[in-house]
Amino acid sequence: MNPLVVLVTLAALVFYLVTLGAVGNARAKFKVQAPTMTGPPQLERAVRVQANTVEGMVLFLPALWLFAAYWDARIAAALGVLWIVGRVLYMAGYLADPAKRGPGFGVQALATLALLIGAIAGAVMSLSQTA
């Protein structure tokens, strides 16, 4: 696998750890013991950011790797960085005010969509070349 794609994958995982840390910090700050998932809005926002990030990674990571397999890994890595930037913006917006999560969500959604479409196109083109 291309080292740039590996680094983006690792950066996405590190960002996920940051979201876990935000949940832990909110739990400590507001004295909310696990397994409770509800509490002050700041805790619930942190939980949603963490959960939404892991939900997004299920689609993002395979799309990243498959795009890189069929196309230029540098482009895949650049789209991966864009996804991470979008997730950071999403987290900052959501933690400040849930109504501000939209721009970050949009950025990461577009990056994921580009990776997914590229992966699908690469697979289809590969099939047509083997036929």
Protein backbone atom coordinates (compact mmCIF):
# COMPACT_ATOMS: atom_id res chain seq x y z
CA MET A 1 0.00 0.00 0.00
CA ASN A 2 1.17 3.52 -0.77
CA PRO A 3 2.83 5.27 2.21
CA LEU A 4 0.70 8.40 1.74
CA VAL A 5 -2.48 6.34 1.99
CA VAL A 6 -1.07 4.59 5.05
CA LEU A 7 -0.32 7.94 6.70
CA VAL A 8 -3.82 9.25 5.93
CA THR A 9 -5.30 6.06 7.35
CA LEU A 10 -3.25 6.49 10.52
CA ALA A 11 -4.20 10.17 10.75
CA ALA A 12 -7.88 9.22 10.51
CA LEU A 13 -7.40 6.71 13.31
CA VAL A 14 -5.60 9.30 15.44
CA PHE A 15 -8.48 11.71 14.85
CA TYR A 16 -10.88 9.01 15.99
CA LEU A 17 -8.83 8.72 19.20
CA VAL A 18 -9.26 12.48 19.63
CA THR A 19 -13.05 12.02 19.47
CA LEU A 20 -12.82 9.28 22.09
CA GLY A 21 -10.79 11.62 24.27
CA ALA A 22 -13.43 14.34 23.90
CA VAL A 23 -16.07 11.91 25.17
CA GLY A 24 -13.86 10.89 28.08
CA ASN A 25 -13.15 14.51 28.96
CA ALA A 26 -16.86 15.38 28.85
CA ARG A 27 -17.66 12.37 31.05
CA ALA A 28 -15.07 13.48 33.61
CA LYS A 29 -16.08 17.14 33.48
CA PHE A 30 -19.78 16.42 34.00
CA LYS A 31 -19.28 13.33 36.20
CA VAL A 32 -21.25 11.01 33.91
CA GLN A 33 -20.29 7.39 34.53
CA ALA A 34 -20.21 4.77 31.78
CA PRO A 35 -22.32 3.19 30.42
CA THR A 36 -24.63 6.22 30.59
CA MET A 37 -24.83 7.88 27.18
CA THR A 38 -26.96 10.85 28.12
CA GLY A 39 -26.30 13.91 30.19
CA PRO A 40 -25.50 17.55 29.59
CA PRO A 41 -25.68 18.67 25.93
CA GLN A 42 -21.86 18.96 25.76
CA LEU A 43 -21.51 15.25 26.58
CA GLU A 44 -24.20 14.22 24.12
CA ARG A 45 -22.58 16.29 21.38
CA ALA A 46 -19.20 14.68 22.03
CA VAL A 47 -20.81 11.23 21.95
CA ARG A 48 -22.52 12.03 18.63
CA VAL A 49 -19.28 13.31 17.09
CA GLN A 50 -17.48 10.13 18.14
CA ALA A 51 -20.27 7.85 16.94
CA ASN A 52 -20.73 9.69 13.66
CA THR A 53 -16.97 9.55 13.05
CA VAL A 54 -16.81 5.78 13.45
CA GLU A 55 -19.94 5.42 11.31
CA GLY A 56 -18.26 7.51 8.60
CA MET A 57 -15.01 5.57 8.79
CA VAL A 58 -16.82 2.37 7.80
CA LEU A 59 -17.42 3.89 4.36
CA PHE A 60 -14.40 6.20 4.14
CA LEU A 61 -11.54 3.77 4.80
CA PRO A 62 -12.45 1.05 2.26
CA ALA A 63 -13.28 3.74 -0.31
CA LEU A 64 -9.88 5.36 0.32
CA TRP A 65 -8.00 2.08 -0.09
CA LEU A 66 -9.94 0.97 -3.17
CA PHE A 67 -9.63 4.37 -4.85
CA ALA A 68 -5.87 4.23 -4.24
CA ALA A 69 -5.73 0.72 -5.72
CA TYR A 70 -7.32 1.81 -9.00
CA TRP A 71 -6.17 5.42 -9.36
CA ASP A 72 -3.36 7.72 -8.26
CA ALA A 73 -2.67 7.15 -4.55
CA ARG A 74 -1.68 10.82 -4.18
CA ILE A 75 -5.19 11.86 -5.19
CA ALA A 76 -6.65 9.30 -2.79
CA ALA A 77 -4.45 10.66 -0.01
CA ALA A 78 -5.45 14.25 -0.81
CA LEU A 79 -9.13 13.29 -0.65
CA GLY A 80 -8.40 11.48 2.60
CA VAL A 81 -6.85 14.61 4.07
CA LEU A 82 -9.93 16.53 2.94
CA TRP A 83 -12.09 13.99 4.79
CA ILE A 84 -10.09 14.51 7.97
CA VAL A 85 -10.32 18.30 7.63
CA GLY A 86 -14.07 17.93 7.19
CA ARG A 87 -14.31 15.77 10.30
CA VAL A 88 -12.29 18.32 12.32
CA LEU A 89 -14.61 21.10 11.12
CA TYR A 90 -17.63 18.93 11.89
CA MET A 91 -16.36 18.26 15.42
CA ALA A 92 -15.58 21.92 16.11
CA GLY A 93 -18.94 23.04 14.76
CA TYR A 94 -20.99 20.36 16.49
CA LEU A 95 -19.32 20.86 19.88
CA ALA A 96 -19.92 24.62 19.65
CA ASP A 97 -23.50 24.38 18.37
CA PRO A 98 -25.15 21.44 16.54
CA ALA A 99 -26.48 23.86 13.93
CA LYS A 100 -22.87 24.58 12.91
CA ARG A 101 -21.97 21.00 11.97
CA GLY A 102 -23.16 21.29 8.36
CA PRO A 103 -20.08 22.69 6.58
CA GLY A 104 -17.73 20.09 8.05
CA PHE A 105 -20.20 17.32 7.31
CA GLY A 106 -20.48 18.54 3.73
CA VAL A 107 -16.71 18.57 3.20
CA GLN A 108 -16.21 15.03 4.49
CA ALA A 109 -19.28 13.76 2.64
CA LEU A 110 -17.98 15.11 -0.68
CA ALA A 111 -14.56 13.57 -0.06
CA THR A 112 -16.17 10.21 0.76
CA LEU A 113 -18.41 10.39 -2.29
CA ALA A 114 -15.46 11.16 -4.57
CA LEU A 115 -13.51 8.21 -3.15
CA LEU A 116 -16.49 5.88 -3.44
CA ILE A 117 -17.34 6.88 -7.01
CA GLY A 118 -13.68 6.55 -7.96
CA ALA A 119 -13.47 3.09 -6.40
CA ILE A 120 -16.63 1.95 -8.18
CA ALA A 121 -15.44 3.37 -11.50
CA GLY A 122 -12.06 1.70 -11.10
CA ALA A 123 -13.64 -1.66 -10.35
CA VAL A 124 -16.03 -1.42 -13.30
CA MET A 125 -13.24 -0.38 -15.64
CA SER A 126 -11.11 -3.25 -14.37
CA LEU A 127 -13.91 -5.68 -15.09
CA SER A 128 -14.35 -4.39 -18.62
CA GLN A 129 -10.61 -4.81 -19.27
CA THR A 130 -10.63 -8.45 -18.19
CA ALA A 131 -13.65 -9.36 -20.28
